Amino acid sequence: MGGYPQTIDIPEYIHTAYLQEYYNAMLLRDIVEYNRLTNYSYLRSLYRLAASTIGKTISNRRLYNQLKSQQYSVGLNSVYEAMDMAEQAYLFKRISRFDYSDSKREKSDKKIYWLDNGLLNANTAQYTRNRGLLLENLIFKELYQRFGSIYTSNIYYYADASGECDFIVYPEGGTALPVQVSWSLSDESTRSREIKGLLKACTYCKVTEA
């Protein structure tokens, strides 16, 4: 549903249409018109690609290559600018891989999280039944509201060759807090993987609480 109470207790097809109408208006007003774009035919496909990557790493170059494979005539710089515009419009936010080196964080592939599950589903139906990824996206939104700002998200992900942790909250001057998100730990392999990634993040950050 996302943060739109108007969509409660209405038929699914109306619910979806409402969210898509709101998203279209936001796209036109807050991105196309605000930035006075003339070439924007690729934007819907670009943001749809961005919506399909929850929980995965992505780079602007890979998004650019995917657009080119769809026969869009768009430059790499335009992709960079369009992704920045979406962040400025609070459509989604990108987070970097956690590292104590600023330059390594900046150069790392990003993960994209939308600031509303409803707008996420308005772009792609692939998460409708995937409660785990919707929960992960929702947890990011909550962390961003608590710890983020217009200048820095203070939120990262952790990944190395042997494990991953969904989020590391690291406010300036504060202590790192690893956060792992899982809809269910009933499956033993899932439980083992999630705990292993969380412990790896704790070890890297030199903390004992998560």
N, C-alpha and C. Protein backbone atom coordinates (compact mmCIF):
# COMPACT_ATOMS: atom_id res chain seq x y z
N MET A 1 0.83 -1.20 0.00
CA MET A 1 0.00 0.00 0.00
C MET A 1 0.86 1.25 0.00
N GLY A 2 1.87 1.31 0.87
CA GLY A 2 2.66 2.52 0.96
C GLY A 2 1.99 3.54 1.86
N GLY A 3 2.43 4.79 1.78
CA GLY A 3 1.94 5.82 2.68
C GLY A 3 0.75 6.60 2.15
N TYR A 4 -0.21 5.92 1.57
CA TYR A 4 -1.37 6.59 0.98
C TYR A 4 -2.64 5.97 1.55
N PRO A 5 -3.19 6.55 2.62
CA PRO A 5 -4.38 5.97 3.27
C PRO A 5 -5.59 5.91 2.36
N GLN A 6 -5.61 6.72 1.29
CA GLN A 6 -6.74 6.70 0.36
C GLN A 6 -6.89 5.35 -0.33
N THR A 7 -5.83 4.55 -0.31
CA THR A 7 -5.87 3.27 -1.02
C THR A 7 -6.32 2.12 -0.14
N ILE A 8 -6.68 2.41 1.12
CA ILE A 8 -7.15 1.36 2.02
C ILE A 8 -8.57 0.96 1.65
N ASP A 9 -8.83 -0.33 1.67
CA ASP A 9 -10.18 -0.87 1.46
C ASP A 9 -10.79 -0.48 0.12
N ILE A 10 -9.97 -0.44 -0.92
CA ILE A 10 -10.50 -0.25 -2.26
C ILE A 10 -10.04 -1.43 -3.11
N PRO A 11 -10.75 -1.73 -4.19
CA PRO A 11 -10.36 -2.87 -5.03
C PRO A 11 -8.93 -2.75 -5.52
N GLU A 12 -8.28 -3.88 -5.74
CA GLU A 12 -6.87 -3.91 -6.10
C GLU A 12 -6.59 -3.12 -7.37
N TYR A 13 -7.47 -3.25 -8.38
CA TYR A 13 -7.20 -2.57 -9.64
C TYR A 13 -7.30 -1.06 -9.49
N ILE A 14 -8.19 -0.58 -8.62
CA ILE A 14 -8.29 0.86 -8.37
C ILE A 14 -7.09 1.33 -7.55
N HIS A 15 -6.70 0.51 -6.59
CA HIS A 15 -5.53 0.80 -5.76
C HIS A 15 -4.29 0.99 -6.61
N THR A 16 -4.06 0.07 -7.55
CA THR A 16 -2.90 0.16 -8.43
C THR A 16 -2.97 1.38 -9.33
N ALA A 17 -4.16 1.64 -9.88
CA ALA A 17 -4.34 2.78 -10.78
C ALA A 17 -4.10 4.10 -10.03
N TYR A 18 -4.54 4.17 -8.78
CA TYR A 18 -4.34 5.39 -7.99
C TYR A 18 -2.85 5.65 -7.78
N LEU A 19 -2.12 4.62 -7.40
CA LEU A 19 -0.69 4.78 -7.15
C LEU A 19 0.05 5.16 -8.43
N GLN A 20 -0.34 4.56 -9.55
CA GLN A 20 0.31 4.88 -10.82
C GLN A 20 0.01 6.32 -11.24
N GLU A 21 -1.22 6.77 -10.98
CA GLU A 21 -1.57 8.16 -11.30
C GLU A 21 -0.76 9.13 -10.44
N TYR A 22 -0.62 8.82 -9.17
CA TYR A 22 0.18 9.68 -8.28
C TYR A 22 1.64 9.69 -8.72
N TYR A 23 2.15 8.53 -9.06
CA TYR A 23 3.54 8.44 -9.51
C TYR A 23 3.75 9.24 -10.79
N ASN A 24 2.82 9.13 -11.74
CA ASN A 24 2.93 9.87 -12.99
C ASN A 24 2.95 11.37 -12.75
N ALA A 25 2.10 11.83 -11.83
CA ALA A 25 2.06 13.26 -11.51
C ALA A 25 3.36 13.71 -10.86
N MET A 26 3.90 12.88 -9.98
CA MET A 26 5.16 13.20 -9.32
C MET A 26 6.30 13.25 -10.32
N LEU A 27 6.31 12.29 -11.23
CA LEU A 27 7.36 12.24 -12.25
C LEU A 27 7.32 13.49 -13.12
N LEU A 28 6.12 13.90 -13.53
CA LEU A 28 5.98 15.06 -14.40
C LEU A 28 6.31 16.35 -13.66
N ARG A 29 5.75 16.52 -12.47
CA ARG A 29 5.89 17.79 -11.74
C ARG A 29 7.27 17.95 -11.11
N ASP A 30 7.70 16.92 -10.38
CA ASP A 30 8.91 17.06 -9.56
C ASP A 30 10.21 16.75 -10.28
N ILE A 31 10.11 16.10 -11.43
CA ILE A 31 11.34 15.77 -12.15
C ILE A 31 11.37 16.42 -13.53
N VAL A 32 10.39 16.14 -14.36
CA VAL A 32 10.41 16.66 -15.74
C VAL A 32 10.26 18.18 -15.75
N GLU A 33 9.18 18.69 -15.16
CA GLU A 33 8.93 20.14 -15.20
C GLU A 33 9.91 20.91 -14.32
N TYR A 34 10.19 20.40 -13.14
CA TYR A 34 11.09 21.11 -12.22
C TYR A 34 12.48 21.28 -12.83
N ASN A 35 12.95 20.26 -13.53
CA ASN A 35 14.29 20.31 -14.13
C ASN A 35 14.27 20.73 -15.60
N ARG A 36 13.07 21.08 -16.10
CA ARG A 36 12.90 21.57 -17.46
C ARG A 36 13.52 20.62 -18.49
N LEU A 37 13.16 19.35 -18.34
CA LEU A 37 13.71 18.34 -19.24
C LEU A 37 12.97 18.35 -20.58
N THR A 38 13.70 18.16 -21.64
CA THR A 38 13.09 18.04 -22.97
C THR A 38 13.18 16.62 -23.50
N ASN A 39 14.27 15.93 -23.17
CA ASN A 39 14.41 14.53 -23.56
C ASN A 39 14.23 13.67 -22.31
N TYR A 40 13.03 13.11 -22.16
CA TYR A 40 12.77 12.33 -20.95
C TYR A 40 12.04 11.02 -21.26
N SER A 41 12.05 10.60 -22.51
CA SER A 41 11.34 9.38 -22.89
C SER A 41 11.87 8.15 -22.17
N TYR A 42 13.13 8.20 -21.75
CA TYR A 42 13.77 7.05 -21.12
C TYR A 42 13.53 6.97 -19.61
N LEU A 43 12.97 8.03 -19.02
CA LEU A 43 12.89 8.10 -17.56
C LEU A 43 12.09 6.96 -16.95
N ARG A 44 10.93 6.66 -17.53
CA ARG A 44 10.09 5.60 -16.97
C ARG A 44 10.84 4.28 -16.94
N SER A 45 11.51 3.97 -18.04
CA SER A 45 12.25 2.71 -18.09
C SER A 45 13.41 2.72 -17.11
N LEU A 46 14.09 3.86 -16.99
CA LEU A 46 15.21 3.96 -16.06
C LEU A 46 14.75 3.72 -14.63
N TYR A 47 13.67 4.38 -14.23
CA TYR A 47 13.20 4.24 -12.86
C TYR A 47 12.55 2.88 -12.62
N ARG A 48 12.01 2.29 -13.68
CA ARG A 48 11.50 0.91 -13.54
C ARG A 48 12.65 -0.05 -13.30
N LEU A 49 13.76 0.18 -13.99
CA LEU A 49 14.96 -0.63 -13.74
C LEU A 49 15.44 -0.43 -12.30
N ALA A 50 15.41 0.82 -11.85
CA ALA A 50 15.82 1.11 -10.47
C ALA A 50 14.91 0.42 -9.46
N ALA A 51 13.64 0.29 -9.81
CA ALA A 51 12.69 -0.37 -8.91
C ALA A 51 12.89 -1.87 -8.85
N SER A 52 13.57 -2.41 -9.84
CA SER A 52 13.74 -3.88 -9.91
C SER A 52 14.98 -4.36 -9.18
N THR A 53 15.71 -3.45 -8.53
CA THR A 53 17.01 -3.82 -7.96
C THR A 53 17.04 -3.82 -6.44
N ILE A 54 15.89 -3.77 -5.77
CA ILE A 54 15.89 -3.73 -4.31
C ILE A 54 16.70 -4.90 -3.76
N GLY A 55 17.63 -4.59 -2.87
CA GLY A 55 18.46 -5.62 -2.27
C GLY A 55 19.65 -6.04 -3.10
N LYS A 56 19.82 -5.42 -4.27
CA LYS A 56 20.94 -5.77 -5.15
C LYS A 56 21.80 -4.53 -5.40
N THR A 57 23.06 -4.76 -5.73
CA THR A 57 23.93 -3.64 -6.08
C THR A 57 23.75 -3.29 -7.55
N ILE A 58 23.93 -2.00 -7.85
CA ILE A 58 23.74 -1.52 -9.22
C ILE A 58 24.65 -0.30 -9.41
N SER A 59 25.04 -0.06 -10.64
CA SER A 59 25.81 1.14 -10.97
C SER A 59 25.09 1.91 -12.07
N ASN A 60 25.39 3.19 -12.19
CA ASN A 60 24.79 3.99 -13.26
C ASN A 60 25.18 3.45 -14.63
N ARG A 61 26.39 2.95 -14.76
CA ARG A 61 26.82 2.42 -16.05
C ARG A 61 26.00 1.19 -16.43
N ARG A 62 25.70 0.33 -15.47
CA ARG A 62 24.89 -0.84 -15.79
C ARG A 62 23.47 -0.43 -16.17
N LEU A 63 22.93 0.56 -15.49
CA LEU A 63 21.61 1.07 -15.86
C LEU A 63 21.65 1.65 -17.27
N TYR A 64 22.71 2.39 -17.56
CA TYR A 64 22.89 2.96 -18.90
C TYR A 64 22.95 1.85 -19.96
N ASN A 65 23.71 0.80 -19.70
CA ASN A 65 23.82 -0.30 -20.66
C ASN A 65 22.48 -1.00 -20.87
N GLN A 66 21.69 -1.12 -19.81
CA GLN A 66 20.38 -1.74 -19.93
C GLN A 66 19.44 -0.88 -20.77
N LEU A 67 19.53 0.44 -20.59
CA LEU A 67 18.72 1.33 -21.42
C LEU A 67 19.13 1.25 -22.88
N LYS A 68 20.43 1.20 -23.13
CA LYS A 68 20.91 1.09 -24.51
C LYS A 68 20.43 -0.20 -25.15
N SER A 69 20.38 -1.27 -24.37
CA SER A 69 19.90 -2.55 -24.91
C SER A 69 18.41 -2.49 -25.25
N GLN A 70 17.70 -1.52 -24.66
CA GLN A 70 16.29 -1.30 -24.97
C GLN A 70 16.11 -0.26 -26.07
N GLN A 71 17.22 0.11 -26.71
CA GLN A 71 17.22 1.02 -27.86
C GLN A 71 16.91 2.47 -27.51
N TYR A 72 17.18 2.86 -26.27
CA TYR A 72 17.00 4.27 -25.91
C TYR A 72 18.25 5.06 -26.29
N SER A 73 18.03 6.23 -26.87
CA SER A 73 19.14 7.12 -27.22
C SER A 73 19.38 8.07 -26.05
N VAL A 74 20.28 7.68 -25.18
CA VAL A 74 20.54 8.45 -23.97
C VAL A 74 22.02 8.34 -23.62
N GLY A 75 22.59 9.43 -23.12
CA GLY A 75 24.00 9.43 -22.74
C GLY A 75 24.20 9.02 -21.29
N LEU A 76 25.39 8.59 -20.98
CA LEU A 76 25.70 8.17 -19.61
C LEU A 76 25.53 9.32 -18.63
N ASN A 77 25.92 10.53 -19.03
CA ASN A 77 25.76 11.69 -18.14
C ASN A 77 24.29 11.95 -17.83
N SER A 78 23.42 11.70 -18.81
CA SER A 78 21.98 11.89 -18.59
C SER A 78 21.45 10.91 -17.55
N VAL A 79 21.99 9.70 -17.55
CA VAL A 79 21.59 8.70 -16.55
C VAL A 79 22.02 9.16 -15.16
N TYR A 80 23.26 9.63 -15.05
CA TYR A 80 23.74 10.16 -13.77
C TYR A 80 22.82 11.28 -13.28
N GLU A 81 22.49 12.20 -14.17
CA GLU A 81 21.66 13.35 -13.80
C GLU A 81 20.25 12.92 -13.41
N ALA A 82 19.68 11.97 -14.16
CA ALA A 82 18.32 11.52 -13.89
C ALA A 82 18.23 10.81 -12.54
N MET A 83 19.26 10.06 -12.18
CA MET A 83 19.27 9.38 -10.88
C MET A 83 19.39 10.41 -9.75
N ASP A 84 20.20 11.43 -9.96
CA ASP A 84 20.31 12.50 -8.96
C ASP A 84 18.99 13.24 -8.81
N MET A 85 18.31 13.48 -9.92
CA MET A 85 17.02 14.17 -9.88
C MET A 85 16.00 13.38 -9.07
N ALA A 86 15.98 12.07 -9.25
CA ALA A 86 15.04 11.22 -8.52
C ALA A 86 15.31 11.27 -7.02
N GLU A 87 16.57 11.31 -6.65
CA GLU A 87 16.91 11.42 -5.22
C GLU A 87 16.46 12.77 -4.67
N GLN A 88 16.70 13.82 -5.44
CA GLN A 88 16.31 15.16 -4.99
C GLN A 88 14.80 15.30 -4.85
N ALA A 89 14.06 14.52 -5.64
CA ALA A 89 12.60 14.52 -5.57
C ALA A 89 12.07 13.55 -4.52
N TYR A 90 12.98 12.90 -3.79
CA TYR A 90 12.63 11.93 -2.75
C TYR A 90 11.82 10.76 -3.31
N LEU A 91 12.18 10.35 -4.52
CA LEU A 91 11.57 9.15 -5.09
C LEU A 91 12.24 7.92 -4.51
N PHE A 92 13.55 7.93 -4.49
CA PHE A 92 14.32 6.86 -3.85
C PHE A 92 15.64 7.43 -3.37
N LYS A 93 16.38 6.61 -2.64
CA LYS A 93 17.71 6.98 -2.17
C LYS A 93 18.67 5.84 -2.50
N ARG A 94 19.93 6.21 -2.72
CA ARG A 94 20.98 5.22 -2.97
C ARG A 94 21.93 5.18 -1.78
N ILE A 95 22.36 3.98 -1.43
CA ILE A 95 23.31 3.85 -0.34
C ILE A 95 24.58 3.15 -0.84
N SER A 96 25.69 3.44 -0.20
CA SER A 96 26.99 2.92 -0.60
C SER A 96 27.40 1.74 0.29
N ARG A 97 28.36 0.98 -0.19
CA ARG A 97 28.93 -0.09 0.64
C ARG A 97 29.74 0.55 1.77
N PHE A 98 29.56 0.04 2.97
CA PHE A 98 30.22 0.65 4.12
C PHE A 98 31.72 0.40 4.09
N ASP A 99 32.45 1.46 4.28
CA ASP A 99 33.90 1.39 4.39
C ASP A 99 34.35 2.62 5.17
N TYR A 100 35.39 2.48 5.96
CA TYR A 100 35.88 3.63 6.71
C TYR A 100 36.61 4.62 5.81
N SER A 101 36.89 4.22 4.57
CA SER A 101 37.50 5.11 3.59
C SER A 101 36.41 5.82 2.80
N ASP A 102 36.39 7.14 2.84
CA ASP A 102 35.39 7.92 2.10
C ASP A 102 35.45 7.63 0.60
N SER A 103 36.65 7.54 0.05
CA SER A 103 36.80 7.33 -1.39
C SER A 103 36.28 5.96 -1.81
N LYS A 104 36.51 4.93 -0.99
CA LYS A 104 36.02 3.59 -1.32
C LYS A 104 34.50 3.54 -1.23
N ARG A 105 33.93 4.23 -0.27
CA ARG A 105 32.46 4.30 -0.18
C ARG A 105 31.89 4.95 -1.43
N GLU A 106 32.50 6.05 -1.84
CA GLU A 106 32.00 6.81 -2.99
C GLU A 106 32.08 6.00 -4.27
N LYS A 107 33.13 5.20 -4.43
CA LYS A 107 33.34 4.44 -5.66
C LYS A 107 32.55 3.13 -5.70
N SER A 108 32.00 2.73 -4.59
CA SER A 108 31.32 1.43 -4.53
C SER A 108 30.02 1.44 -5.32
N ASP A 109 29.59 0.25 -5.76
CA ASP A 109 28.27 0.13 -6.36
C ASP A 109 27.22 0.47 -5.30
N LYS A 110 26.08 0.96 -5.76
CA LYS A 110 25.05 1.42 -4.84
C LYS A 110 23.91 0.40 -4.74
N LYS A 111 23.13 0.56 -3.68
CA LYS A 111 21.84 -0.12 -3.57
C LYS A 111 20.77 0.96 -3.54
N ILE A 112 19.64 0.68 -4.18
CA ILE A 112 18.56 1.65 -4.30
C ILE A 112 17.38 1.21 -3.43
N TYR A 113 16.86 2.15 -2.65
CA TYR A 113 15.66 1.89 -1.86
C TYR A 113 14.67 3.03 -2.08
N TRP A 114 13.43 2.65 -2.31
CA TRP A 114 12.38 3.64 -2.56
C TRP A 114 11.83 4.14 -1.24
N LEU A 115 11.37 5.39 -1.25
CA LEU A 115 10.88 6.00 -0.02
C LEU A 115 9.40 5.77 0.20
N ASP A 116 8.80 4.91 -0.64
CA ASP A 116 7.42 4.50 -0.41
C ASP A 116 7.18 3.17 -1.12
N ASN A 117 6.67 2.19 -0.40
CA ASN A 117 6.40 0.89 -1.00
C ASN A 117 5.31 0.95 -2.06
N GLY A 118 4.37 1.89 -1.90
CA GLY A 118 3.31 2.02 -2.89
C GLY A 118 3.86 2.48 -4.23
N LEU A 119 4.74 3.48 -4.22
CA LEU A 119 5.34 3.95 -5.47
C LEU A 119 6.26 2.89 -6.06
N LEU A 120 6.89 2.11 -5.19
CA LEU A 120 7.72 1.01 -5.68
C LEU A 120 6.86 0.01 -6.46
N ASN A 121 5.73 -0.36 -5.89
CA ASN A 121 4.84 -1.31 -6.57
C ASN A 121 4.14 -0.70 -7.77
N ALA A 122 4.03 0.62 -7.80
CA ALA A 122 3.44 1.27 -8.97
C ALA A 122 4.34 1.12 -10.18
N ASN A 123 5.64 0.89 -9.94
CA ASN A 123 6.60 0.73 -11.02
C ASN A 123 6.78 -0.70 -11.46
N THR A 124 6.64 -1.62 -10.54
CA THR A 124 6.85 -3.02 -10.86
C THR A 124 6.00 -3.88 -9.94
N ALA A 125 5.41 -4.92 -10.50
CA ALA A 125 4.57 -5.82 -9.71
C ALA A 125 5.38 -6.97 -9.10
N GLN A 126 6.69 -6.98 -9.33
CA GLN A 126 7.47 -8.14 -8.92
C GLN A 126 7.59 -8.30 -7.41
N TYR A 127 7.30 -7.24 -6.65
CA TYR A 127 7.43 -7.34 -5.20
C TYR A 127 6.09 -7.59 -4.50
N THR A 128 5.01 -7.66 -5.27
CA THR A 128 3.70 -7.78 -4.67
C THR A 128 3.63 -8.93 -3.68
N ARG A 129 4.26 -10.06 -4.03
CA ARG A 129 4.24 -11.24 -3.16
C ARG A 129 5.56 -11.44 -2.42
N ASN A 130 6.52 -10.59 -2.64
CA ASN A 130 7.82 -10.75 -1.98
C ASN A 130 7.86 -9.88 -0.73
N ARG A 131 7.34 -10.43 0.34
CA ARG A 131 7.24 -9.65 1.57
C ARG A 131 8.61 -9.30 2.14
N GLY A 132 9.58 -10.19 1.91
CA GLY A 132 10.92 -9.94 2.44
C GLY A 132 11.54 -8.67 1.89
N LEU A 133 11.46 -8.48 0.56
CA LEU A 133 12.05 -7.29 -0.05
C LEU A 133 11.23 -6.03 0.26
N LEU A 134 9.89 -6.18 0.34
CA LEU A 134 9.08 -5.03 0.73
C LEU A 134 9.41 -4.61 2.16
N LEU A 135 9.64 -5.60 3.03
CA LEU A 135 10.02 -5.28 4.41
C LEU A 135 11.38 -4.60 4.44
N GLU A 136 12.32 -5.10 3.65
CA GLU A 136 13.65 -4.48 3.60
C GLU A 136 13.56 -3.03 3.15
N ASN A 137 12.73 -2.78 2.13
CA ASN A 137 12.55 -1.41 1.65
C ASN A 137 11.90 -0.54 2.72
N LEU A 138 10.92 -1.10 3.43
CA LEU A 138 10.22 -0.36 4.48
C LEU A 138 11.16 -0.03 5.64
N ILE A 139 12.02 -0.98 6.01
CA ILE A 139 12.98 -0.74 7.09
C ILE A 139 13.95 0.38 6.69
N PHE A 140 14.37 0.38 5.42
CA PHE A 140 15.24 1.48 4.99
C PHE A 140 14.55 2.82 5.19
N LYS A 141 13.28 2.90 4.78
CA LYS A 141 12.56 4.16 4.92
C LYS A 141 12.55 4.62 6.38
N GLU A 142 12.30 3.68 7.29
CA GLU A 142 12.28 4.03 8.72
C GLU A 142 13.65 4.49 9.19
N LEU A 143 14.70 3.79 8.77
CA LEU A 143 16.06 4.19 9.15
C LEU A 143 16.40 5.57 8.58
N TYR A 144 15.97 5.81 7.35
CA TYR A 144 16.26 7.10 6.72
C TYR A 144 15.55 8.24 7.47
N GLN A 145 14.31 7.99 7.87
CA GLN A 145 13.57 9.02 8.60
C GLN A 145 14.22 9.32 9.95
N ARG A 146 14.84 8.32 10.54
CA ARG A 146 15.47 8.52 11.86
C ARG A 146 16.89 9.07 11.77
N PHE A 147 17.64 8.59 10.78
CA PHE A 147 19.07 8.89 10.76
C PHE A 147 19.55 9.64 9.52
N GLY A 148 18.73 9.73 8.50
CA GLY A 148 19.17 10.36 7.26
C GLY A 148 18.99 11.87 7.30
N SER A 149 19.50 12.51 6.25
CA SER A 149 19.33 13.95 6.10
C SER A 149 19.47 14.27 4.62
N ILE A 150 19.24 15.54 4.26
CA ILE A 150 19.37 15.93 2.86
C ILE A 150 20.82 15.93 2.43
N TYR A 151 21.73 15.92 3.40
CA TYR A 151 23.15 15.98 3.07
C TYR A 151 23.80 14.60 3.03
N THR A 152 23.39 13.71 3.91
CA THR A 152 23.98 12.38 3.95
C THR A 152 22.97 11.40 4.52
N SER A 153 22.99 10.18 4.03
CA SER A 153 22.02 9.20 4.50
C SER A 153 22.43 8.60 5.83
N ASN A 154 23.75 8.54 6.10
CA ASN A 154 24.26 7.87 7.29
C ASN A 154 23.90 6.39 7.31
N ILE A 155 23.46 5.88 6.18
CA ILE A 155 23.05 4.48 6.09
C ILE A 155 23.80 3.83 4.93
N TYR A 156 24.34 2.66 5.18
CA TYR A 156 25.15 1.95 4.20
C TYR A 156 24.75 0.47 4.19
N TYR A 157 25.34 -0.29 3.28
CA TYR A 157 25.21 -1.75 3.34
C TYR A 157 26.59 -2.33 3.54
N TYR A 158 26.65 -3.56 4.02
CA TYR A 158 27.94 -4.23 4.20
C TYR A 158 27.99 -5.45 3.30
N ALA A 159 29.12 -5.64 2.66
CA ALA A 159 29.30 -6.83 1.82
C ALA A 159 30.77 -7.15 1.67
N ASP A 160 31.10 -8.42 1.80
CA ASP A 160 32.42 -8.90 1.42
C ASP A 160 32.24 -10.27 0.78
N ALA A 161 33.32 -10.96 0.53
CA ALA A 161 33.25 -12.22 -0.20
C ALA A 161 32.49 -13.31 0.55
N SER A 162 32.36 -13.16 1.86
CA SER A 162 31.76 -14.25 2.64
C SER A 162 30.46 -13.89 3.35
N GLY A 163 29.97 -12.69 3.17
CA GLY A 163 28.72 -12.35 3.84
C GLY A 163 28.23 -10.95 3.53
N GLU A 164 26.94 -10.72 3.79
CA GLU A 164 26.32 -9.42 3.57
C GLU A 164 25.44 -9.06 4.75
N CYS A 165 25.34 -7.77 4.99
CA CYS A 165 24.41 -7.25 5.99
C CYS A 165 23.63 -6.12 5.32
N ASP A 166 22.32 -6.13 5.49
CA ASP A 166 21.47 -5.20 4.74
C ASP A 166 21.83 -3.74 4.98
N PHE A 167 21.99 -3.36 6.24
CA PHE A 167 22.24 -1.95 6.55
C PHE A 167 23.26 -1.80 7.67
N ILE A 168 24.02 -0.74 7.57
CA ILE A 168 24.84 -0.28 8.69
C ILE A 168 24.53 1.20 8.88
N VAL A 169 23.98 1.52 10.02
CA VAL A 169 23.71 2.92 10.37
C VAL A 169 24.98 3.47 11.02
N TYR A 170 25.50 4.55 10.45
CA TYR A 170 26.76 5.10 10.95
C TYR A 170 26.69 6.63 10.93
N PRO A 171 25.99 7.20 11.92
CA PRO A 171 25.91 8.67 11.99
C PRO A 171 27.27 9.26 12.31
N GLU A 172 27.53 10.44 11.79
CA GLU A 172 28.82 11.09 12.01
C GLU A 172 29.08 11.27 13.50
N GLY A 173 30.24 10.81 13.91
CA GLY A 173 30.60 10.93 15.32
C GLY A 173 29.97 9.88 16.20
N GLY A 174 29.21 8.96 15.60
CA GLY A 174 28.52 7.94 16.38
C GLY A 174 29.15 6.57 16.25
N THR A 175 28.41 5.56 16.70
CA THR A 175 28.85 4.18 16.64
C THR A 175 28.05 3.44 15.58
N ALA A 176 28.70 2.58 14.84
CA ALA A 176 28.03 1.83 13.78
C ALA A 176 27.01 0.85 14.38
N LEU A 177 25.87 0.72 13.71
CA LEU A 177 24.83 -0.23 14.12
C LEU A 177 24.44 -1.09 12.93
N PRO A 178 24.88 -2.35 12.87
CA PRO A 178 24.46 -3.25 11.79
C PRO A 178 22.99 -3.64 11.96
N VAL A 179 22.27 -3.70 10.84
CA VAL A 179 20.85 -4.08 10.85
C VAL A 179 20.62 -5.11 9.75
N GLN A 180 20.11 -6.27 10.13
CA GLN A 180 19.80 -7.32 9.16
C GLN A 180 18.29 -7.50 9.11
N VAL A 181 17.72 -7.60 7.91
CA VAL A 181 16.27 -7.70 7.75
C VAL A 181 15.91 -9.05 7.14
N SER A 182 14.95 -9.73 7.75
CA SER A 182 14.48 -11.01 7.21
C SER A 182 13.03 -11.19 7.58
N TRP A 183 12.21 -11.60 6.63
CA TRP A 183 10.80 -11.84 6.91
C TRP A 183 10.62 -13.05 7.81
N SER A 184 11.44 -14.07 7.61
CA SER A 184 11.33 -15.29 8.41
C SER A 184 12.70 -15.95 8.53
N LEU A 185 12.95 -16.53 9.69
CA LEU A 185 14.19 -17.27 9.92
C LEU A 185 13.91 -18.75 10.15
N SER A 186 12.73 -19.19 9.72
CA SER A 186 12.35 -20.59 9.95
C SER A 186 13.19 -21.55 9.12
N ASP A 187 13.64 -21.11 7.94
CA ASP A 187 14.51 -21.95 7.12
C ASP A 187 15.93 -21.88 7.67
N GLU A 188 16.52 -23.04 7.94
CA GLU A 188 17.82 -23.08 8.60
C GLU A 188 18.92 -22.43 7.77
N SER A 189 18.91 -22.64 6.45
CA SER A 189 19.95 -22.05 5.60
C SER A 189 19.82 -20.54 5.57
N THR A 190 18.59 -20.03 5.53
CA THR A 190 18.37 -18.59 5.57
C THR A 190 18.84 -18.02 6.90
N ARG A 191 18.47 -18.68 7.97
CA ARG A 191 18.88 -18.24 9.31
C ARG A 191 20.40 -18.17 9.43
N SER A 192 21.08 -19.23 8.95
CA SER A 192 22.53 -19.28 9.03
C SER A 192 23.17 -18.15 8.22
N ARG A 193 22.66 -17.92 7.00
CA ARG A 193 23.21 -16.87 6.13
C ARG A 193 23.02 -15.48 6.74
N GLU A 194 21.82 -15.23 7.25
CA GLU A 194 21.52 -13.91 7.79
C GLU A 194 22.36 -13.62 9.04
N ILE A 195 22.47 -14.59 9.91
CA ILE A 195 23.25 -14.39 11.14
C ILE A 195 24.73 -14.25 10.81
N LYS A 196 25.22 -15.05 9.87
CA LYS A 196 26.62 -14.96 9.47
C LYS A 196 26.95 -13.56 8.94
N GLY A 197 26.08 -13.03 8.07
CA GLY A 197 26.31 -11.69 7.53
C GLY A 197 26.28 -10.63 8.61
N LEU A 198 25.37 -10.78 9.57
CA LEU A 198 25.28 -9.82 10.67
C LEU A 198 26.53 -9.85 11.54
N LEU A 199 27.01 -11.05 11.84
CA LEU A 199 28.21 -11.18 12.66
C LEU A 199 29.45 -10.65 11.93
N LYS A 200 29.51 -10.88 10.61
CA LYS A 200 30.63 -10.33 9.82
C LYS A 200 30.64 -8.81 9.90
N ALA A 201 29.46 -8.20 9.79
CA ALA A 201 29.37 -6.74 9.87
C ALA A 201 29.77 -6.24 11.25
N CYS A 202 29.35 -6.95 12.29
CA CYS A 202 29.72 -6.56 13.65
C CYS A 202 31.24 -6.61 13.84
N THR A 203 31.85 -7.67 13.31
CA THR A 203 33.30 -7.81 13.43
C THR A 203 34.02 -6.68 12.70
N TYR A 204 33.55 -6.37 11.49
CA TYR A 204 34.19 -5.31 10.70
C TYR A 204 34.06 -3.96 11.39
N CYS A 205 32.90 -3.72 11.98
CA CYS A 205 32.64 -2.42 12.62
C CYS A 205 33.14 -2.37 14.06
N LYS A 206 33.62 -3.52 14.56
CA LYS A 206 34.12 -3.60 15.93
C LYS A 206 33.04 -3.21 16.95
N VAL A 207 31.84 -3.78 16.76
CA VAL A 207 30.74 -3.54 17.69
C VAL A 207 30.18 -4.88 18.14
N THR A 208 29.48 -4.87 19.26
CA THR A 208 28.90 -6.10 19.80
C THR A 208 27.38 -6.07 19.81
N GLU A 209 26.79 -4.95 19.38
CA GLU A 209 25.33 -4.83 19.34
C GLU A 209 24.86 -4.62 17.91
N ALA A 210 23.73 -5.25 17.59
CA ALA A 210 23.16 -5.13 16.25
C ALA A 210 21.65 -5.30 16.33
